[in-house]
PDB file of N, CA and C in Angstrom:
ATOM      1  N   MET A   1      33.540 -96.120 108.948  1.00  0.00           N
ATOM      2  CA  MET A   1      32.545 -95.115 109.246  1.00  0.00           C
ATOM      3  C   MET A   1      31.505 -95.646 110.227  1.00  0.00           C
ATOM      4  N   SER A   2      31.124 -96.907 110.053  1.00  0.00           N
ATOM      5  CA  SER A   2      30.137 -97.528 110.924  1.00  0.00           C
ATOM      6  C   SER A   2      30.630 -97.581 112.367  1.00  0.00           C
ATOM      7  N   GLU A   3      31.902 -97.854 112.574  1.00  0.00           N
ATOM      8  CA  GLU A   3      32.466 -97.928 113.912  1.00  0.00           C
ATOM      9  C   GLU A   3      32.418 -96.566 114.597  1.00  0.00           C
ATOM     10  N   LEU A   4      32.685 -95.511 113.854  1.00  0.00           N
ATOM     11  CA  LEU A   4      32.628 -94.158 114.395  1.00  0.00           C
ATOM     12  C   LEU A   4      31.202 -93.825 114.829  1.00  0.00           C
ATOM     13  N   PHE A   5      30.232 -94.162 113.986  1.00  0.00           N
ATOM     14  CA  PHE A   5      28.827 -93.926 114.303  1.00  0.00           C
ATOM     15  C   PHE A   5      28.436 -94.681 115.571  1.00  0.00           C
ATOM     16  N   ASP A   6      28.862 -95.928 115.682  1.00  0.00           N
ATOM     17  CA  ASP A   6      28.550 -96.735 116.857  1.00  0.00           C
ATOM     18  C   ASP A   6      29.131 -96.119 118.130  1.00  0.00           C
ATOM     19  N   GLU A   7      30.324 -95.581 118.050  1.00  0.00           N
ATOM     20  CA  GLU A   7      30.958 -94.955 119.213  1.00  0.00           C
ATOM     21  C   GLU A   7      30.199 -93.704 119.643  1.00  0.00           C
ATOM     22  N   VAL A   8      29.789 -92.901 118.693  1.00  0.00           N
ATOM     23  CA  VAL A   8      29.034 -91.683 119.001  1.00  0.00           C
ATOM     24  C   VAL A   8      27.681 -92.045 119.586  1.00  0.00           C
ATOM     25  N   LEU A   9      27.041 -93.039 119.025  1.00  0.00           N
ATOM     26  CA  LEU A   9      25.723 -93.470 119.489  1.00  0.00           C
ATOM     27  C   LEU A   9      25.756 -93.930 120.946  1.00  0.00           C
ATOM     28  N   LYS A  10      26.871 -94.475 121.388  1.00  0.00           N
ATOM     29  CA  LYS A  10      27.013 -94.923 122.772  1.00  0.00           C
ATOM     30  C   LYS A  10      26.956 -93.764 123.760  1.00  0.00           C
ATOM     31  N   THR A  11      27.252 -92.561 123.312  1.00  0.00           N
ATOM     32  CA  THR A  11      27.250 -91.394 124.202  1.00  0.00           C
ATOM     33  C   THR A  11      25.858 -90.800 124.398  1.00  0.00           C
ATOM     34  N   VAL A  12      24.876 -91.240 123.593  1.00  0.00           N
ATOM     35  CA  VAL A  12      23.517 -90.713 123.691  1.00  0.00           C
ATOM     36  C   VAL A  12      22.730 -91.556 124.693  1.00  0.00           C
ATOM     37  N   PRO A  13      22.126 -90.920 125.707  1.00  0.00           N
ATOM     38  CA  PRO A  13      21.362 -91.683 126.698  1.00  0.00           C
ATOM     39  C   PRO A  13      20.195 -92.449 126.070  1.00  0.00           C
ATOM     40  N   GLU A  14      19.862 -93.569 126.686  1.00  0.00           N
ATOM     41  CA  GLU A  14      18.796 -94.444 126.192  1.00  0.00           C
ATOM     42  C   GLU A  14      17.447 -93.729 126.103  1.00  0.00           C
ATOM     43  N   PHE A  15      17.129 -92.863 127.099  1.00  0.00           N
ATOM     44  CA  PHE A  15      15.839 -92.189 127.083  1.00  0.00           C
ATOM     45  C   PHE A  15      15.693 -91.249 125.884  1.00  0.00           C
ATOM     46  N   VAL A  16      16.789 -90.720 125.389  1.00  0.00           N
ATOM     47  CA  VAL A  16      16.745 -89.855 124.204  1.00  0.00           C
ATOM     48  C   VAL A  16      16.506 -90.706 122.956  1.00  0.00           C
ATOM     49  N   LEU A  17      17.154 -91.853 122.876  1.00  0.00           N
ATOM     50  CA  LEU A  17      16.992 -92.729 121.715  1.00  0.00           C
ATOM     51  C   LEU A  17      15.570 -93.267 121.597  1.00  0.00           C
ATOM     52  N   LYS A  18      14.871 -93.412 122.707  1.00  0.00           N
ATOM     53  CA  LYS A  18      13.514 -93.963 122.708  1.00  0.00           C
ATOM     54  C   LYS A  18      12.434 -92.881 122.738  1.00  0.00           C
ATOM     55  N   SER A  19      12.783 -91.657 122.445  1.00  0.00           N
ATOM     56  CA  SER A  19      11.819 -90.553 122.472  1.00  0.00           C
ATOM     57  C   SER A  19      10.676 -90.789 121.483  1.00  0.00           C
ATOM     58  N   PRO A  20       9.426 -90.585 121.911  1.00  0.00           N
ATOM     59  CA  PRO A  20       8.292 -90.729 121.003  1.00  0.00           C
ATOM     60  C   PRO A  20       8.191 -89.570 120.005  1.00  0.00           C
ATOM     61  N   VAL A  21       8.885 -88.481 120.281  1.00  0.00           N
ATOM     62  CA  VAL A  21       8.873 -87.317 119.393  1.00  0.00           C
ATOM     63  C   VAL A  21      10.288 -87.065 118.908  1.00  0.00           C
ATOM     64  N   SER A  22      10.461 -87.012 117.607  1.00  0.00           N
ATOM     65  CA  SER A  22      11.750 -86.590 117.071  1.00  0.00           C
ATOM     66  C   SER A  22      11.541 -85.316 116.260  1.00  0.00           C
ATOM     67  N   CYS A  23      10.621 -85.373 115.337  1.00  0.00           N
ATOM     68  CA  CYS A  23      10.310 -84.221 114.488  1.00  0.00           C
ATOM     69  C   CYS A  23       8.930 -84.496 113.881  1.00  0.00           C
ATOM     70  N   ASN A  24       7.890 -83.889 114.444  1.00  0.00           N
ATOM     71  CA  ASN A  24       6.550 -84.252 114.027  1.00  0.00           C
ATOM     72  C   ASN A  24       5.542 -83.177 114.445  1.00  0.00           C
ATOM     73  N   TRP A  25       4.390 -83.217 113.808  1.00  0.00           N
ATOM     74  CA  TRP A  25       3.280 -82.365 114.224  1.00  0.00           C
ATOM     75  C   TRP A  25       2.628 -82.999 115.442  1.00  0.00           C
ATOM     76  N   VAL A  26       2.288 -82.154 116.425  1.00  0.00           N
ATOM     77  CA  VAL A  26       1.651 -82.628 117.654  1.00  0.00           C
ATOM     78  C   VAL A  26       0.528 -81.672 118.055  1.00  0.00           C
ATOM     79  N   ASP A  27      -0.348 -82.178 118.887  1.00  0.00           N
ATOM     80  CA  ASP A  27      -1.275 -81.311 119.614  1.00  0.00           C
ATOM     81  C   ASP A  27      -0.672 -81.172 120.996  1.00  0.00           C
ATOM     82  N   TYR A  28      -0.336 -79.950 121.366  1.00  0.00           N
ATOM     83  CA  TYR A  28       0.251 -79.669 122.675  1.00  0.00           C
ATOM     84  C   TYR A  28      -0.732 -78.795 123.437  1.00  0.00           C
ATOM     85  N   ASN A  29      -1.280 -79.334 124.496  1.00  0.00           N
ATOM     86  CA  ASN A  29      -2.299 -78.626 125.283  1.00  0.00           C
ATOM     87  C   ASN A  29      -3.436 -78.123 124.394  1.00  0.00           C
ATOM     88  N   GLY A  30      -3.813 -78.924 123.409  1.00  0.00           N
ATOM     89  CA  GLY A  30      -4.939 -78.569 122.550  1.00  0.00           C
ATOM     90  C   GLY A  30      -4.602 -77.668 121.376  1.00  0.00           C
ATOM     91  N   LYS A  31      -3.337 -77.315 121.203  1.00  0.00           N
ATOM     92  CA  LYS A  31      -2.920 -76.465 120.085  1.00  0.00           C
ATOM     93  C   LYS A  31      -1.996 -77.242 119.168  1.00  0.00           C
ATOM     94  N   ARG A  32      -2.166 -77.069 117.874  1.00  0.00           N
ATOM     95  CA  ARG A  32      -1.329 -77.752 116.879  1.00  0.00           C
ATOM     96  C   ARG A  32       0.008 -77.029 116.773  1.00  0.00           C
ATOM     97  N   LYS A  33       1.101 -77.777 116.988  1.00  0.00           N
ATOM     98  CA  LYS A  33       2.465 -77.234 116.931  1.00  0.00           C
ATOM     99  C   LYS A  33       3.359 -78.229 116.207  1.00  0.00           C
ATOM    100  N   PHE A  34       4.465 -77.723 115.680  1.00  0.00           N
ATOM    101  CA  PHE A  34       5.498 -78.598 115.147  1.00  0.00           C
ATOM    102  C   PHE A  34       6.510 -78.808 116.263  1.00  0.00           C
ATOM    103  N   ALA A  35       6.791 -80.069 116.578  1.00  0.00           N
ATOM    104  CA  ALA A  35       7.663 -80.398 117.710  1.00  0.00           C
ATOM    105  C   ALA A  35       8.939 -81.068 117.228  1.00  0.00           C
ATOM    106  N   MET A  36      10.049 -80.695 117.866  1.00  0.00           N
ATOM    107  CA  MET A  36      11.355 -81.278 117.550  1.00  0.00           C
ATOM    108  C   MET A  36      12.057 -81.632 118.856  1.00  0.00           C
ATOM    109  N   LEU A  37      12.643 -82.800 118.901  1.00  0.00           N
ATOM    110  CA  LEU A  37      13.411 -83.214 120.066  1.00  0.00           C
ATOM    111  C   LEU A  37      14.656 -82.345 120.178  1.00  0.00           C
ATOM    112  N   ASN A  38      14.864 -81.739 121.318  1.00  0.00           N
ATOM    113  CA  ASN A  38      16.059 -80.944 121.578  1.00  0.00           C
ATOM    114  C   ASN A  38      17.037 -81.850 122.333  1.00  0.00           C
ATOM    115  N   VAL A  39      17.939 -82.475 121.587  1.00  0.00           N
ATOM    116  CA  VAL A  39      18.832 -83.488 122.149  1.00  0.00           C
ATOM    117  C   VAL A  39      19.774 -82.890 123.195  1.00  0.00           C
ATOM    118  N   SER A  40      20.406 -81.780 122.889  1.00  0.00           N
ATOM    119  CA  SER A  40      21.375 -81.213 123.831  1.00  0.00           C
ATOM    120  C   SER A  40      20.712 -80.786 125.136  1.00  0.00           C
ATOM    121  N   GLU A  41      19.556 -80.169 125.065  1.00  0.00           N
ATOM    122  CA  GLU A  41      18.824 -79.756 126.273  1.00  0.00           C
ATOM    123  C   GLU A  41      18.347 -80.987 127.052  1.00  0.00           C
ATOM    124  N   SER A  42      17.921 -82.035 126.338  1.00  0.00           N
ATOM    125  CA  SER A  42      17.469 -83.266 126.991  1.00  0.00           C
ATOM    126  C   SER A  42      18.603 -83.911 127.775  1.00  0.00           C
ATOM    127  N   ILE A  43      19.774 -83.990 127.171  1.00  0.00           N
ATOM    128  CA  ILE A  43      20.930 -84.587 127.843  1.00  0.00           C
ATOM    129  C   ILE A  43      21.333 -83.745 129.049  1.00  0.00           C
ATOM    130  N   GLU A  44      21.329 -82.432 128.883  1.00  0.00           N
ATOM    131  CA  GLU A  44      21.721 -81.530 129.965  1.00  0.00           C
ATOM    132  C   GLU A  44      20.776 -81.635 131.162  1.00  0.00           C
ATOM    133  N   ARG A  45      19.468 -81.721 130.907  1.00  0.00           N
ATOM    134  CA  ARG A  45      18.476 -81.755 131.991  1.00  0.00           C
ATOM    135  C   ARG A  45      18.132 -83.162 132.467  1.00  0.00           C
ATOM    136  N   GLY A  46      18.498 -84.166 131.686  1.00  0.00           N
ATOM    137  CA  GLY A  46      18.224 -85.540 132.081  1.00  0.00           C
ATOM    138  C   GLY A  46      16.798 -85.985 131.845  1.00  0.00           C
ATOM    139  N   LYS A  47      16.067 -85.255 131.014  1.00  0.00           N
ATOM    140  CA  LYS A  47      14.702 -85.637 130.640  1.00  0.00           C
ATOM    141  C   LYS A  47      14.425 -85.098 129.241  1.00  0.00           C
ATOM    142  N   LEU A  48      13.424 -85.676 128.583  1.00  0.00           N
ATOM    143  CA  LEU A  48      13.122 -85.264 127.213  1.00  0.00           C
ATOM    144  C   LEU A  48      12.624 -83.829 127.164  1.00  0.00           C
ATOM    145  N   MET A  49      13.280 -83.025 126.341  1.00  0.00           N
ATOM    146  CA  MET A  49      12.893 -81.630 126.147  1.00  0.00           C
ATOM    147  C   MET A  49      12.523 -81.447 124.678  1.00  0.00           C
ATOM    148  N   ILE A  50      11.384 -80.833 124.439  1.00  0.00           N
ATOM    149  CA  ILE A  50      10.838 -80.687 123.099  1.00  0.00           C
ATOM    150  C   ILE A  50      10.747 -79.213 122.733  1.00  0.00           C
ATOM    151  N   ASP A  51      11.261 -78.867 121.540  1.00  0.00           N
ATOM    152  CA  ASP A  51      11.122 -77.514 121.000  1.00  0.00           C
ATOM    153  C   ASP A  51       9.798 -77.435 120.261  1.00  0.00           C
ATOM    154  N   LEU A  52       9.009 -76.403 120.550  1.00  0.00           N
ATOM    155  CA  LEU A  52       7.739 -76.192 119.865  1.00  0.00           C
ATOM    156  C   LEU A  52       7.873 -75.012 118.914  1.00  0.00           C
ATOM    157  N   CYS A  53       7.336 -75.191 117.701  1.00  0.00           N
ATOM    158  CA  CYS A  53       7.446 -74.175 116.663  1.00  0.00           C
ATOM    159  C   CYS A  53       6.094 -73.943 116.008  1.00  0.00           C
ATOM    160  N   TYR A  54       5.953 -72.790 115.390  1.00  0.00           N
ATOM    161  CA  TYR A  54       4.736 -72.457 114.653  1.00  0.00           C
ATOM    162  C   TYR A  54       4.548 -73.383 113.468  1.00  0.00           C
ATOM    163  N   CYS A  55       5.634 -73.658 112.753  1.00  0.00           N
ATOM    164  CA  CYS A  55       5.570 -74.548 111.592  1.00  0.00           C
ATOM    165  C   CYS A  55       6.934 -75.209 111.379  1.00  0.00           C
ATOM    166  N   ALA A  56       6.982 -76.200 110.508  1.00  0.00           N
ATOM    167  CA  ALA A  56       8.213 -76.946 110.261  1.00  0.00           C
ATOM    168  C   ALA A  56       9.307 -76.053 109.683  1.00  0.00           C
ATOM    169  N   THR A  57       8.950 -75.182 108.770  1.00  0.00           N
ATOM    170  CA  THR A  57       9.944 -74.296 108.158  1.00  0.00           C
ATOM    171  C   THR A  57      10.562 -73.375 109.199  1.00  0.00           C
ATOM    172  N   ALA A  58       9.731 -72.813 110.055  1.00  0.00           N
ATOM    173  CA  ALA A  58      10.243 -71.909 111.091  1.00  0.00           C
ATOM    174  C   ALA A  58      11.223 -72.633 112.008  1.00  0.00           C
ATOM    175  N   GLY A  59      10.911 -73.849 112.383  1.00  0.00           N
ATOM    176  CA  GLY A  59      11.769 -74.586 113.306  1.00  0.00           C
ATOM    177  C   GLY A  59      12.986 -75.208 112.671  1.00  0.00           C
ATOM    178  N   MET A  60      12.787 -75.966 111.593  1.00  0.00           N
ATOM    179  CA  MET A  60      13.881 -76.725 111.001  1.00  0.00           C
ATOM    180  C   MET A  60      14.805 -75.880 110.132  1.00  0.00           C
ATOM    181  N   ILE A  61      14.259 -74.944 109.391  1.00  0.00           N
ATOM    182  CA  ILE A  61      15.073 -74.140 108.472  1.00  0.00           C
ATOM    183  C   ILE A  61      15.574 -72.861 109.139  1.00  0.00           C
ATOM    184  N   ASN A  62      14.666 -72.140 109.790  1.00  0.00           N
ATOM    185  CA  ASN A  62      15.013 -70.834 110.351  1.00  0.00           C
ATOM    186  C   ASN A  62      15.430 -70.878 111.813  1.00  0.00           C
ATOM    187  N   GLY A  63      15.244 -72.019 112.470  1.00  0.00           N
ATOM    188  CA  GLY A  63      15.661 -72.145 113.865  1.00  0.00           C
ATOM    189  C   GLY A  63      14.844 -71.323 114.841  1.00  0.00           C
ATOM    190  N   ARG A  64      13.616 -70.956 114.465  1.00  0.00           N
ATOM    191  CA  ARG A  64      12.760 -70.163 115.353  1.00  0.00           C
ATOM    192  C   ARG A  64      11.913 -71.090 116.217  1.00  0.00           C
ATOM    193  N   VAL A  65      12.234 -71.125 117.477  1.00  0.00           N
ATOM    194  CA  VAL A  65      11.537 -71.973 118.437  1.00  0.00           C
ATOM    195  C   VAL A  65      10.705 -71.074 119.338  1.00  0.00           C
ATOM    196  N   GLU A  66       9.410 -71.392 119.478  1.00  0.00           N
ATOM    197  CA  GLU A  66       8.544 -70.611 120.359  1.00  0.00           C
ATOM    198  C   GLU A  66       8.911 -70.836 121.819  1.00  0.00           C
ATOM    199  N   LYS A  67       9.055 -72.124 122.181  1.00  0.00           N
ATOM    200  CA  LYS A  67       9.482 -72.455 123.538  1.00  0.00           C
ATOM    201  C   LYS A  67       9.925 -73.905 123.591  1.00  0.00           C
ATOM    202  N   THR A  68      10.683 -74.223 124.623  1.00  0.00           N
ATOM    203  CA  THR A  68      11.150 -75.580 124.865  1.00  0.00           C
ATOM    204  C   THR A  68      10.483 -76.065 126.142  1.00  0.00           C
ATOM    205  N   VAL A  69       9.838 -77.231 126.050  1.00  0.00           N
ATOM    206  CA  VAL A  69       9.068 -77.757 127.180  1.00  0.00           C
ATOM    207  C   VAL A  69       9.443 -79.213 127.431  1.00  0.00           C
ATOM    208  N   PRO A  70       9.263 -79.697 128.671  1.00  0.00           N
ATOM    209  CA  PRO A  70       9.507 -81.111 128.936  1.00  0.00           C
ATOM    210  C   PRO A  70       8.411 -81.965 128.302  1.00  0.00           C
ATOM    211  N   TYR A  71       8.783 -83.151 127.830  1.00  0.00           N
ATOM    212  CA  TYR A  71       7.809 -84.056 127.232  1.00  0.00           C
ATOM    213  C   TYR A  71       6.924 -84.650 128.320  1.00  0.00           C
ATOM    214  N   SER A  72       5.640 -84.744 128.006  1.00  0.00           N
ATOM    215  CA  SER A  72       4.671 -85.372 128.897  1.00  0.00           C
ATOM    216  C   SER A  72       3.611 -86.057 128.043  1.00  0.00           C
ATOM    217  N   LYS A  73       3.331 -87.325 128.327  1.00  0.00           N
ATOM    218  CA  LYS A  73       2.299 -88.048 127.585  1.00  0.00           C
ATOM    219  C   LYS A  73       0.952 -87.353 127.718  1.00  0.00           C
ATOM    220  N   LYS A  74       0.736 -86.712 128.836  1.00  0.00           N
ATOM    221  CA  LYS A  74      -0.524 -86.034 129.114  1.00  0.00           C
ATOM    222  C   LYS A  74      -0.730 -84.804 128.216  1.00  0.00           C
ATOM    223  N   ARG A  75       0.332 -84.110 127.877  1.00  0.00           N
ATOM    224  CA  ARG A  75       0.223 -82.860 127.125  1.00  0.00           C
ATOM    225  C   ARG A  75       0.434 -83.009 125.620  1.00  0.00           C
ATOM    226  N   PHE A  76       1.098 -84.083 125.200  1.00  0.00           N
ATOM    227  CA  PHE A  76       1.431 -84.263 123.779  1.00  0.00           C
ATOM    228  C   PHE A  76       0.585 -85.365 123.149  1.00  0.00           C
ATOM    229  N   VAL A  77       0.008 -85.061 121.995  1.00  0.00           N
ATOM    230  CA  VAL A  77      -0.667 -86.059 121.176  1.00  0.00           C
ATOM    231  C   VAL A  77      -0.057 -85.943 119.789  1.00  0.00           C
ATOM    232  N   ILE A  78       0.592 -87.015 119.326  1.00  0.00           N
ATOM    233  CA  ILE A  78       1.231 -86.984 118.018  1.00  0.00           C
ATOM    234  C   ILE A  78       0.161 -87.074 116.939  1.00  0.00           C
ATOM    235  N   VAL A  79       0.235 -86.166 115.955  1.00  0.00           N
ATOM    236  CA  VAL A  79      -0.720 -86.106 114.860  1.00  0.00           C
ATOM    237  C   VAL A  79      -0.185 -86.924 113.702  1.00  0.00           C
ATOM    238  N   ASP A  80      -0.976 -87.874 113.217  1.00  0.00           N
ATOM    239  CA  ASP A  80      -0.547 -88.710 112.088  1.00  0.00           C
ATOM    240  C   ASP A  80      -0.914 -88.085 110.769  1.00  0.00           C
TER     241      ASP A  80
END
C-alpha cells in the first residue's frame, strides 16, 4: 500500500505539496472565510487555487464554494 501511495504522490507538483493553505479559516481581503486547497484546479492552472466558503460545513460537507481564487500572501492571512 505504501508503494502505491508513493507512486501517486510523485504525480502531485511540488508547489501543491508545499501549499500554506490546505483546509483552514483565513482572512481574505479582510473577510473571514473557510479556505480549501483546490488540487485539481491548481494542477490545471499551474498555480495554487483556493476555494473560499462561507463555513466549513458548506465547503467540506455540502460542496458549496463561493468562489475559487489564486493564492496570494498579500490577500490571505491564516487564522489560528
